[in-house]
């Protein structure tokens, strides 16, 4: 029985999927994770105890886009009824 092109492609796809993100055998994982842990510990120590929050814009400025959208909607409905 011969393989059809679909069967060949399925076999190729399965073979390549297994090898897609396979790292080399000599990756120094322990050293990499030690560097990550040291970096995170240093960053954690550099962060102040008090969280800083970005200032919020005044309430009227935050509502401005919604007011504009509501006015546009009302204008569109009003024009649609009169035309």
Protein backbone atom coordinates (compact mmCIF):
# COMPACT_ATOMS: atom_id res chain seq x y z
CA UNK A 1 0.00 0.00 0.00
CA UNK A 2 1.48 3.37 -0.96
CA UNK A 3 1.30 6.56 1.08
CA UNK A 4 -0.83 9.35 -0.25
CA UNK A 5 0.39 12.92 -0.21
CA UNK A 6 -1.86 13.68 2.77
CA UNK A 7 -0.33 10.83 4.78
CA UNK A 8 3.18 12.01 3.91
CA UNK A 9 2.29 15.53 4.94
CA UNK A 10 0.76 14.34 8.22
CA UNK A 11 3.92 12.35 9.02
CA UNK A 12 6.10 15.35 8.12
CA UNK A 13 3.98 17.67 10.26
CA UNK A 14 4.09 15.35 13.29
CA UNK A 15 7.87 14.93 12.98
CA UNK A 16 8.51 18.66 12.68
CA UNK A 17 6.08 19.54 15.49
CA UNK A 18 8.05 17.35 17.90
CA UNK A 19 11.30 19.09 17.00
CA UNK A 20 9.96 22.65 16.68
CA UNK A 21 10.97 24.26 20.01
CA UNK A 22 13.32 21.59 21.25
CA UNK A 23 16.29 23.34 22.92
CA UNK A 24 19.84 22.06 22.47
CA UNK A 25 21.05 19.53 25.04
CA UNK A 26 23.74 21.85 26.43
CA UNK A 27 21.46 24.68 27.61
CA UNK A 28 22.60 25.89 31.07
CA UNK A 29 19.11 25.96 32.60
CA UNK A 30 20.29 26.18 36.22
CA UNK A 31 22.50 29.19 35.49
CA UNK A 32 19.73 30.88 33.51
CA UNK A 33 17.17 30.45 36.30
CA UNK A 34 19.68 31.63 38.90
CA UNK A 35 20.20 34.83 36.85
CA UNK A 36 16.44 35.32 36.55
CA UNK A 37 15.94 34.83 40.30
CA UNK A 38 18.77 37.25 41.11
CA UNK A 39 17.35 39.87 38.74
CA UNK A 40 13.87 39.56 40.25
CA UNK A 41 15.25 39.75 43.79
CA UNK A 42 17.24 42.89 42.91
CA UNK A 43 14.19 44.49 41.30
CA UNK A 44 12.03 43.58 44.28
CA UNK A 45 14.54 45.24 46.60
CA UNK A 46 14.61 48.40 44.47
CA UNK A 47 10.84 48.89 44.62
CA UNK A 48 9.68 51.31 47.30
CA UNK A 49 7.35 50.12 50.04
CA UNK A 50 4.63 52.59 49.03
CA UNK A 51 2.89 51.92 45.74
CA UNK A 52 2.71 54.93 43.48
CA UNK A 53 -0.44 55.55 41.53
CA UNK A 54 -0.67 57.59 38.39
CA UNK A 55 -2.80 60.71 38.87
CA UNK A 56 -6.30 60.29 37.53
CA UNK A 57 -7.72 62.90 35.21
CA UNK A 58 -10.63 64.92 36.55
CA UNK A 59 -14.02 63.24 36.23
CA UNK A 60 -15.26 65.71 33.63
CA UNK A 61 -12.36 64.89 31.31
CA UNK A 62 -12.97 61.16 31.64
CA UNK A 63 -16.64 61.59 30.70
CA UNK A 64 -15.97 63.82 27.67
CA UNK A 65 -15.75 60.99 25.08
CA UNK A 66 -19.01 59.46 26.32
CA UNK A 67 -20.80 62.79 26.20
CA UNK A 68 -19.60 63.31 22.63
CA UNK A 69 -20.77 59.86 21.59
CA UNK A 70 -24.17 60.37 23.22
CA UNK A 71 -24.58 63.74 21.49
CA UNK A 72 -23.67 62.22 18.13
CA UNK A 73 -26.17 59.43 18.64
CA UNK A 74 -28.96 61.86 19.57
CA UNK A 75 -28.12 64.09 16.62
CA UNK A 76 -28.22 61.09 14.28
CA UNK A 77 -31.58 59.90 15.62
CA UNK A 78 -32.99 63.43 15.41
CA UNK A 79 -31.84 63.87 11.83
CA UNK A 80 -33.14 60.45 10.89
CA UNK A 81 -36.62 61.27 12.15
CA UNK A 82 -36.81 64.60 10.36
CA UNK A 83 -35.59 63.43 6.98
